[in-house]
Amino acid sequence: MKCALIFIGDELIYGAINNTNSIVAGKILTSYGFEIGEIITLPDNIDVIADYLKALTKKYDFLIISGGLGPTDDDLTNLAVTKAFNLKLREYPEFLSAIYSAREYKLSQELAKKMALLPEGAIPLSKDFSSAGYLLEIENKPLFFLPGVPHQFDNLLNTEVIPRLLNLSAETKEQIIKTLRFFDLNETDLNQFINTFPDEILSSIKIGYYPVFPEVKLILRGKNEKDLHVFIEKLKEKFAPYLISEKDKNLPQVIGELLQERKEKLATAESCTGGLLASFITSVSGSSLYFDRGFVTYSPESKIELLGVNPETIKKFDVVSYEVAIEMAEGARKKTGVDYALSITGFAGPTGGTPENPVGTVYIGFSYKNKIKAFRFSFLGERRDIQILASYTSLDILRRYLLYGEGFFSYRFATGIKEKSF
């Protein structure tokens, strides 16, 4: 199936914001085997939008349109749809109620009503009506209208649009789809190894690479369950410690399942990540069952007061060190009585750092049973990249320990390790 992507908004035309939705849609659609014929950016102009909708509907199997569904005067997509296809707007009461009550919007009744006026025949995509977005069939072709807000766009694309497209496609109906997630492994590593597979294996499986920083999704499509099984087993022989999930679950979800199975609990102590690690953990529903608490100890004083880090340790080794990471993890575990504690201290940049510990240096502590390990990492990237990598690597240290024990603490960016027993 071949499609066109349409992104609407003057802010995109003028370059006021980056069109991240285009990147996300391009990667996920092509990874599932859908062909993108055109990617078009349009201004907030009813006539222009309507003309493109009419022309592209005739040309492609389906369209994905993003933006212009909000409550302000420049949100004109729905009006353009009615003009393009000679439709009327009608009010969706369930949508109106959900939008009006949603804290995210905080809209007046009048503005909420505008968002709830959709073209006749529209099928809202959000199951709880909490975000804009709908499906409209024109000339027996699906047109997916999605919000421009990136997290809403990404959510509806993955949970609603892709499943519906797979169900519509005659080719994909006959296929079995497996989605694997990896961490601490880039798509080049996977690609090079997969290229060594025999032709008889590769010829029966279509492969899509979909980076979801800091993870990598590998989407496999085939008609034979046995072929897919053989393919996945060969990957596991090479990359088992890096394989997070065979069921398209991210690392925080996997950690949650592992801890719930063991009825064990986790606490965190963070410095340079500022609570991001705890945020990832609690992004999973039900995390209160296994996550006790998180300490954000950004200053040296807070590390001393809340975690019991020895002032002499900081004076002798600095706050960014093996020794402080060890005492942070030890303090978090002692304070809470949990089964595991993770700590992070480092220089996320762009300022800071020392000759011994330049920007990107992060120490991660892991307290468990009667041991504490501290790992030194040299991460690359912008400040946010380093914070995300540090948080995910912390979770992955715990995952590898729960699944494989102590023998698999090996990472691309790791530069050292120290241990304390008690």
Protein backbone atom coordinates (compact mmCIF):
# COMPACT_ATOMS: atom_id res chain seq x y z
CA MET A 1 0.00 0.00 0.00
CA LYS A 2 1.24 3.45 -0.95
CA CYS A 3 0.49 6.65 0.92
CA ALA A 4 1.14 10.36 1.22
CA LEU A 5 1.88 12.20 4.46
CA ILE A 6 0.48 15.71 4.88
CA PHE A 7 1.63 18.03 7.68
CA ILE A 8 -0.35 21.21 8.24
CA GLY A 9 0.68 24.41 9.97
CA ASP A 10 2.24 27.79 9.29
CA GLU A 11 4.71 27.07 12.09
CA LEU A 12 6.10 24.19 10.01
CA ILE A 13 6.30 26.31 6.86
CA TYR A 14 8.19 29.07 8.67
CA GLY A 15 10.51 26.63 10.46
CA ALA A 16 9.34 27.78 13.90
CA ILE A 17 9.22 24.14 15.05
CA ASN A 18 10.81 20.94 13.81
CA ASN A 19 8.53 18.45 12.08
CA THR A 20 9.41 15.43 14.23
CA ASN A 21 6.11 13.77 13.29
CA SER A 22 7.40 13.36 9.73
CA ILE A 23 10.43 11.43 10.96
CA VAL A 24 8.38 9.22 13.26
CA ALA A 25 5.78 8.43 10.60
CA GLY A 26 8.37 7.76 7.91
CA LYS A 27 10.28 5.28 10.05
CA ILE A 28 7.34 3.33 11.43
CA LEU A 29 5.41 3.11 8.14
CA THR A 30 8.39 1.94 6.09
CA SER A 31 9.39 -0.55 8.79
CA TYR A 32 6.00 -2.23 8.29
CA GLY A 33 6.43 -2.25 4.53
CA PHE A 34 4.16 0.65 3.56
CA GLU A 35 5.47 2.85 0.76
CA ILE A 36 5.51 6.63 1.13
CA GLY A 37 5.05 8.43 -2.18
CA GLU A 38 5.08 12.03 -0.97
CA ILE A 39 5.61 14.05 2.22
CA ILE A 40 3.96 17.46 1.96
CA THR A 41 3.88 20.46 4.30
CA LEU A 42 0.96 22.87 3.89
CA PRO A 43 0.07 26.28 5.36
CA ASP A 44 -3.06 27.03 7.38
CA ASN A 45 -5.12 27.74 4.28
CA ILE A 46 -8.48 26.05 3.69
CA ASP A 47 -8.34 26.21 -0.12
CA VAL A 48 -4.79 24.86 -0.33
CA ILE A 49 -5.49 22.02 2.11
CA ALA A 50 -8.72 21.09 0.33
CA ASP A 51 -7.06 20.98 -3.09
CA TYR A 52 -4.29 18.69 -1.88
CA LEU A 53 -6.71 16.39 -0.06
CA LYS A 54 -8.79 15.89 -3.20
CA ALA A 55 -5.78 15.30 -5.45
CA LEU A 56 -3.86 12.99 -3.14
CA THR A 57 -6.92 10.90 -2.24
CA LYS A 58 -7.26 9.95 -5.90
CA LYS A 59 -3.54 9.21 -6.20
CA TYR A 60 -2.78 7.05 -3.11
CA ASP A 61 -4.18 4.08 -1.17
CA PHE A 62 -4.35 6.05 2.08
CA LEU A 63 -3.37 9.40 3.58
CA ILE A 64 -2.08 10.44 6.98
CA ILE A 65 -2.72 14.08 7.83
CA SER A 66 -1.30 15.80 10.90
CA GLY A 67 -2.19 19.13 12.45
CA GLY A 68 -4.94 21.74 12.38
CA LEU A 69 -7.35 19.88 14.68
CA GLY A 70 -7.06 22.18 17.70
CA PRO A 71 -9.38 24.89 19.06
CA THR A 72 -7.70 28.06 17.77
CA ASP A 73 -8.55 30.17 14.74
CA ASP A 74 -5.68 28.80 12.68
CA ASP A 75 -6.84 25.18 13.11
CA LEU A 76 -8.63 24.78 9.78
CA THR A 77 -8.23 21.13 8.80
CA ASN A 78 -11.81 20.09 9.51
CA LEU A 79 -13.19 22.97 7.48
CA ALA A 80 -10.85 22.06 4.62
CA VAL A 81 -12.12 18.46 4.74
CA THR A 82 -15.74 19.58 4.45
CA LYS A 83 -14.86 21.75 1.46
CA ALA A 84 -12.77 19.07 -0.26
CA PHE A 85 -15.39 16.33 -0.01
CA ASN A 86 -18.64 18.33 0.27
CA LEU A 87 -19.35 17.17 3.83
CA LYS A 88 -21.02 18.77 6.82
CA LEU A 89 -19.66 19.12 10.35
CA ARG A 90 -21.50 17.41 13.18
CA GLU A 91 -20.95 17.49 16.92
CA TYR A 92 -19.66 14.41 18.75
CA PRO A 93 -21.05 14.65 22.34
CA GLU A 94 -18.63 12.08 23.82
CA PHE A 95 -15.68 13.91 22.32
CA LEU A 96 -16.98 17.26 23.57
CA SER A 97 -17.33 15.96 27.12
CA ALA A 98 -13.85 14.41 27.15
CA ILE A 99 -12.13 17.44 25.65
CA TYR A 100 -13.91 19.87 27.95
CA SER A 101 -12.98 17.93 31.09
CA ALA A 102 -9.38 17.13 30.09
CA ARG A 103 -6.88 19.02 32.23
CA GLU A 104 -4.45 19.09 29.31
CA TYR A 105 -6.68 21.45 27.37
CA LYS A 106 -8.42 23.62 30.02
CA LEU A 107 -10.72 24.97 27.32
CA SER A 108 -13.89 26.99 27.51
CA GLN A 109 -17.08 25.25 26.43
CA GLU A 110 -17.00 27.20 23.17
CA LEU A 111 -13.44 26.19 22.25
CA ALA A 112 -14.04 22.58 23.27
CA LYS A 113 -17.12 22.56 21.05
CA LYS A 114 -15.03 23.55 18.04
CA MET A 115 -12.75 20.53 18.56
CA ALA A 116 -15.78 18.25 18.83
CA LEU A 117 -17.17 19.37 15.45
CA LEU A 118 -15.93 16.74 13.01
CA PRO A 119 -16.82 15.95 9.40
CA GLU A 120 -19.81 13.63 9.09
CA GLY A 121 -18.69 10.01 8.88
CA ALA A 122 -15.60 10.63 11.03
CA ILE A 123 -14.61 7.82 13.38
CA PRO A 124 -12.69 9.15 16.45
CA LEU A 125 -9.43 7.24 16.95
CA SER A 126 -8.83 7.92 20.64
CA LYS A 127 -10.67 5.22 22.60
CA ASP A 128 -11.31 7.56 25.53
CA PHE A 129 -11.83 10.63 23.30
CA SER A 130 -8.98 12.34 25.16
CA SER A 131 -7.17 13.55 22.03
CA ALA A 132 -8.16 14.80 18.60
CA GLY A 133 -7.82 12.42 15.68
CA TYR A 134 -10.19 10.53 13.45
CA LEU A 135 -10.55 8.19 10.49
CA LEU A 136 -12.55 9.20 7.44
CA GLU A 137 -13.22 6.94 4.46
CA ILE A 138 -13.35 8.73 1.10
CA GLU A 139 -13.77 6.73 -2.10
CA ASN A 140 -13.16 3.56 -0.06
CA LYS A 141 -9.77 4.90 1.03
CA PRO A 142 -8.81 5.59 4.66
CA LEU A 143 -7.75 9.12 5.55
CA PHE A 144 -6.24 9.36 9.03
CA PHE A 145 -6.36 12.81 10.62
CA LEU A 146 -4.01 13.01 13.61
CA PRO A 147 -3.15 15.77 16.09
CA GLY A 148 0.07 17.68 15.56
CA VAL A 149 1.14 17.31 19.21
CA PRO A 150 4.03 14.81 18.90
CA HIS A 151 3.20 12.46 21.77
CA GLN A 152 -0.47 12.28 20.71
CA PHE A 153 0.51 11.77 17.07
CA ASP A 154 2.95 8.99 17.97
CA ASN A 155 0.46 7.25 20.26
CA LEU A 156 -2.41 7.19 17.75
CA LEU A 157 -0.11 6.23 14.89
CA ASN A 158 1.18 3.18 16.73
CA THR A 159 -1.95 2.07 18.59
CA GLU A 160 -4.67 2.86 16.05
CA VAL A 161 -3.39 3.68 12.56
CA ILE A 162 -0.83 0.90 12.09
CA PRO A 163 -3.17 -1.90 13.34
CA ARG A 164 -5.96 -0.67 11.05
CA LEU A 165 -3.63 -0.47 8.06
CA LEU A 166 -2.30 -3.96 8.71
CA ASN A 167 -5.87 -5.24 8.81
CA LEU A 168 -6.69 -3.51 5.53
CA SER A 169 -3.64 -4.68 3.61
CA ALA A 170 -4.21 -7.96 1.79
CA GLU A 171 -0.49 -8.66 1.86
CA THR A 172 -0.06 -8.11 5.60
CA LYS A 173 -3.20 -10.08 6.47
CA GLU A 174 -1.38 -13.20 5.35
CA GLN A 175 1.74 -12.34 7.32
CA ILE A 176 2.96 -12.98 10.82
CA ILE A 177 4.57 -9.94 12.41
CA LYS A 178 7.13 -10.07 15.22
CA THR A 179 8.50 -6.94 16.87
CA LEU A 180 11.74 -7.21 18.82
CA ARG A 181 13.32 -4.45 20.92
CA PHE A 182 17.04 -4.10 21.65
CA PHE A 183 19.10 -1.82 23.86
CA ASP A 184 22.81 -0.92 23.75
CA LEU A 185 22.83 -2.15 20.17
CA ASN A 186 22.52 -0.02 17.05
CA GLU A 187 20.77 -0.95 13.83
CA THR A 188 24.08 -1.21 11.97
CA ASP A 189 25.21 -4.02 14.29
CA LEU A 190 21.96 -5.86 13.64
CA ASN A 191 22.06 -5.24 9.91
CA GLN A 192 25.62 -6.50 9.50
CA PHE A 193 24.89 -9.69 11.40
CA ILE A 194 21.60 -10.33 9.60
CA ASN A 195 23.38 -9.98 6.25
CA THR A 196 25.41 -13.09 7.13
CA PHE A 197 22.24 -15.23 7.26
CA PRO A 198 21.71 -17.77 4.45
CA ASP A 199 19.65 -16.57 1.50
CA GLU A 200 16.96 -19.16 2.15
CA ILE A 201 16.24 -17.51 5.52
CA LEU A 202 16.44 -13.92 4.33
CA SER A 203 14.27 -14.52 1.27
CA SER A 204 11.28 -15.56 3.40
CA ILE A 205 11.32 -12.63 5.83
CA LYS A 206 10.92 -8.90 5.38
CA ILE A 207 12.88 -6.81 7.87
CA GLY A 208 12.22 -3.27 9.11
CA TYR A 209 14.56 -1.26 11.32
CA TYR A 210 12.91 1.36 13.52
CA PRO A 211 15.14 3.26 16.00
CA VAL A 212 13.20 4.49 19.05
CA PHE A 213 16.02 6.19 20.95
CA PRO A 214 17.64 4.71 22.92
CA GLU A 215 16.13 1.42 21.79
CA VAL A 216 15.99 -0.20 18.36
CA LYS A 217 12.90 -1.97 17.08
CA LEU A 218 13.32 -4.80 14.62
CA ILE A 219 10.06 -5.60 12.82
CA LEU A 220 9.97 -9.00 11.13
CA ARG A 221 7.26 -10.04 8.67
CA GLY A 222 6.82 -13.47 7.17
CA LYS A 223 4.23 -16.09 6.28
CA ASN A 224 5.83 -19.01 8.08
CA GLU A 225 6.04 -19.18 11.88
CA LYS A 226 8.92 -21.66 11.70
CA ASP A 227 11.04 -19.36 9.52
CA LEU A 228 10.51 -16.47 11.94
CA HIS A 229 11.39 -18.70 14.88
CA VAL A 230 14.65 -19.81 13.25
CA PHE A 231 15.50 -16.19 12.43
CA ILE A 232 14.85 -14.98 15.99
CA GLU A 233 16.79 -17.85 17.56
CA LYS A 234 19.85 -16.97 15.45
CA LEU A 235 19.56 -13.37 16.65
CA LYS A 236 19.29 -14.52 20.25
CA GLU A 237 22.41 -16.66 19.92
CA LYS A 238 24.34 -13.51 19.04
CA PHE A 239 22.51 -10.74 20.87
CA ALA A 240 20.53 -12.32 23.74
CA PRO A 241 21.70 -9.89 26.48
CA TYR A 242 20.74 -6.94 24.27
CA LEU A 243 17.25 -8.25 23.46
CA ILE A 244 14.79 -6.45 25.72
CA SER A 245 11.55 -7.91 24.43
CA GLU A 246 10.07 -10.16 21.78
CA LYS A 247 6.63 -8.58 22.37
CA ASP A 248 7.32 -4.93 21.53
CA LYS A 249 7.62 -3.86 25.18
CA ASN A 250 10.00 -1.11 26.19
CA LEU A 251 12.62 -1.40 28.93
CA PRO A 252 10.56 0.23 31.73
CA GLN A 253 7.70 -2.17 30.99
CA VAL A 254 10.03 -5.17 31.02
CA ILE A 255 11.60 -4.11 34.33
CA GLY A 256 8.14 -3.77 35.82
CA GLU A 257 7.14 -7.29 34.78
CA LEU A 258 10.38 -8.79 36.09
CA LEU A 259 10.07 -7.13 39.50
CA GLN A 260 6.39 -8.02 39.82
CA GLU A 261 7.13 -11.66 39.04
CA ARG A 262 9.68 -11.71 41.85
CA LYS A 263 7.61 -9.54 44.20
CA GLU A 264 10.66 -7.32 44.63
CA LYS A 265 11.05 -3.56 44.95
CA LEU A 266 13.33 -0.86 43.61
CA ALA A 267 14.45 2.61 44.72
CA THR A 268 16.53 5.20 42.86
CA ALA A 269 18.95 7.99 43.74
CA GLU A 270 19.66 10.49 40.96
CA SER A 271 21.82 13.50 40.43
CA CYS A 272 22.56 14.50 36.80
CA THR A 273 19.39 12.82 35.48
CA GLY A 274 17.19 14.91 37.79
CA GLY A 275 14.49 12.28 38.32
CA LEU A 276 14.31 11.04 34.73
CA LEU A 277 15.06 7.45 35.79
CA ALA A 278 12.17 7.51 38.27
CA SER A 279 9.97 9.08 35.59
CA PHE A 280 10.69 6.22 33.17
CA ILE A 281 9.89 3.67 35.86
CA THR A 282 6.62 5.34 36.85
CA SER A 283 5.52 5.82 33.24
CA VAL A 284 4.25 2.23 33.49
CA SER A 285 0.82 1.67 34.98
CA GLY A 286 1.03 -0.34 38.21
CA SER A 287 4.60 0.73 38.99
CA SER A 288 3.59 1.42 42.61
CA LEU A 289 3.71 -2.35 43.10
CA TYR A 290 7.47 -2.45 42.65
CA PHE A 291 8.81 1.11 42.83
CA ASP A 292 9.24 2.43 46.36
CA ARG A 293 10.63 5.93 45.87
CA GLY A 294 13.19 8.06 44.10
CA PHE A 295 15.66 10.52 45.59
CA VAL A 296 16.73 13.50 43.45
CA THR A 297 19.93 14.58 45.18
CA TYR A 298 21.37 17.20 42.87
CA SER A 299 23.63 19.04 45.33
CA PRO A 300 26.44 17.54 47.44
CA GLU A 301 24.51 18.59 50.56
CA SER A 302 21.42 16.65 49.51
CA LYS A 303 23.50 13.52 48.92
CA ILE A 304 24.86 13.84 52.45
CA GLU A 305 21.53 14.70 54.13
CA LEU A 306 19.17 12.33 52.30
CA LEU A 307 21.39 9.39 51.39
CA GLY A 308 24.06 9.48 54.06
CA VAL A 309 26.97 9.97 51.66
CA ASN A 310 30.11 10.65 53.68
CA PRO A 311 31.33 14.27 53.23
CA GLU A 312 34.90 12.96 53.25
CA THR A 313 34.08 10.71 50.28
CA ILE A 314 32.93 13.72 48.28
CA LYS A 315 35.95 15.75 49.37
CA LYS A 316 38.40 13.01 48.46
CA PHE A 317 36.84 11.62 45.26
CA ASP A 318 34.42 14.37 44.04
CA VAL A 319 30.65 13.98 43.62
CA VAL A 320 31.13 12.37 40.20
CA SER A 321 32.99 9.21 41.13
CA TYR A 322 32.71 5.48 41.71
CA GLU A 323 32.76 6.01 45.45
CA VAL A 324 29.88 8.49 45.54
CA ALA A 325 27.76 6.35 43.20
CA ILE A 326 28.36 3.41 45.54
CA GLU A 327 27.37 5.36 48.64
CA MET A 328 24.32 6.84 46.92
CA ALA A 329 23.04 3.37 45.96
CA GLU A 330 23.91 2.00 49.39
CA GLY A 331 22.14 4.90 51.10
CA ALA A 332 18.99 4.56 48.99
CA ARG A 333 18.74 0.85 49.75
CA LYS A 334 19.37 1.29 53.48
CA LYS A 335 16.86 4.13 53.76
CA THR A 336 14.09 2.19 52.02
CA GLY A 337 14.81 -1.46 52.71
CA VAL A 338 14.14 -2.38 49.09
CA ASP A 339 15.65 -5.29 47.18
CA TYR A 340 17.52 -3.13 44.65
CA ALA A 341 18.71 0.45 44.40
CA LEU A 342 20.14 2.31 41.42
CA SER A 343 22.13 5.55 41.60
CA ILE A 344 23.35 8.01 38.96
CA THR A 345 25.90 10.81 39.24
CA GLY A 346 27.70 12.47 36.35
CA PHE A 347 28.21 15.39 33.99
CA ALA A 348 25.40 15.62 31.43
CA GLY A 349 26.77 18.86 29.96
CA PRO A 350 27.16 20.94 28.02
CA THR A 351 29.04 22.67 30.86
CA GLY A 352 30.93 21.04 33.70
CA GLY A 353 33.27 18.12 33.57
CA THR A 354 36.89 17.73 34.57
CA PRO A 355 39.98 16.36 32.78
CA GLU A 356 39.43 13.04 34.59
CA ASN A 357 35.66 13.07 34.10
CA PRO A 358 34.73 15.06 30.96
CA VAL A 359 31.15 15.85 29.95
CA GLY A 360 29.34 12.61 29.24
CA THR A 361 30.97 10.76 32.14
CA VAL A 362 28.35 9.07 34.28
CA TYR A 363 28.75 6.69 37.23
CA ILE A 364 25.90 4.27 37.89
CA GLY A 365 25.62 2.44 41.20
CA PHE A 366 23.72 -0.81 41.68
CA SER A 367 23.02 -2.15 45.18
CA TYR A 368 21.73 -5.70 45.53
CA LYS A 369 21.98 -8.56 48.03
CA ASN A 370 25.32 -8.05 49.79
CA LYS A 371 27.08 -6.16 47.02
CA ILE A 372 27.25 -2.77 45.37
CA LYS A 373 28.74 -2.25 41.94
CA ALA A 374 29.54 1.09 40.32
CA PHE A 375 30.05 1.44 36.57
CA ARG A 376 31.75 4.28 34.73
CA PHE A 377 30.31 5.28 31.35
CA SER A 378 31.37 7.75 28.68
CA PHE A 379 28.16 8.67 26.89
CA LEU A 380 27.95 10.76 23.73
CA GLY A 381 25.36 13.30 22.65
CA GLU A 382 23.48 16.34 23.86
CA ARG A 383 22.48 16.81 27.49
CA ARG A 384 19.10 15.10 27.06
CA ASP A 385 20.68 12.18 25.17
CA ILE A 386 23.13 11.59 28.00
CA GLN A 387 20.38 11.74 30.62
CA ILE A 388 18.25 9.24 28.70
CA LEU A 389 21.17 6.88 28.07
CA ALA A 390 22.16 6.99 31.74
CA SER A 391 18.61 6.26 32.89
CA TYR A 392 18.07 3.43 30.43
CA THR A 393 21.47 1.89 31.12
CA SER A 394 20.66 1.88 34.84
CA LEU A 395 17.46 -0.05 34.16
CA ASP A 396 19.27 -2.41 31.83
CA ILE A 397 21.89 -3.20 34.47
CA LEU A 398 19.03 -4.35 36.69
CA ARG A 399 17.38 -6.27 33.83
CA ARG A 400 20.55 -8.15 32.96
CA TYR A 401 21.15 -9.02 36.58
CA LEU A 402 17.61 -10.37 37.02
CA LEU A 403 17.80 -12.45 33.83
CA TYR A 404 21.46 -13.48 33.61
CA GLY A 405 23.17 -12.78 36.92
CA GLU A 406 26.45 -10.91 37.28
CA GLY A 407 28.21 -12.21 34.20
CA PHE A 408 26.65 -9.88 31.61
CA PHE A 409 27.59 -6.38 32.76
CA SER A 410 29.22 -5.37 29.47
CA TYR A 411 28.23 -2.20 27.62
CA ARG A 412 29.43 -0.21 24.62
CA PHE A 413 30.00 2.97 26.60
CA ALA A 414 31.34 1.38 29.79
CA THR A 415 34.91 2.30 30.75
CA GLY A 416 35.29 0.74 34.19
CA ILE A 417 33.73 -0.96 37.21
CA LYS A 418 34.29 -1.09 40.98
CA GLU A 419 32.67 -3.27 43.61
CA LYS A 420 31.98 -3.15 47.32
CA SER A 421 30.83 -6.09 49.41
CA PHE A 422 29.34 -6.01 52.89
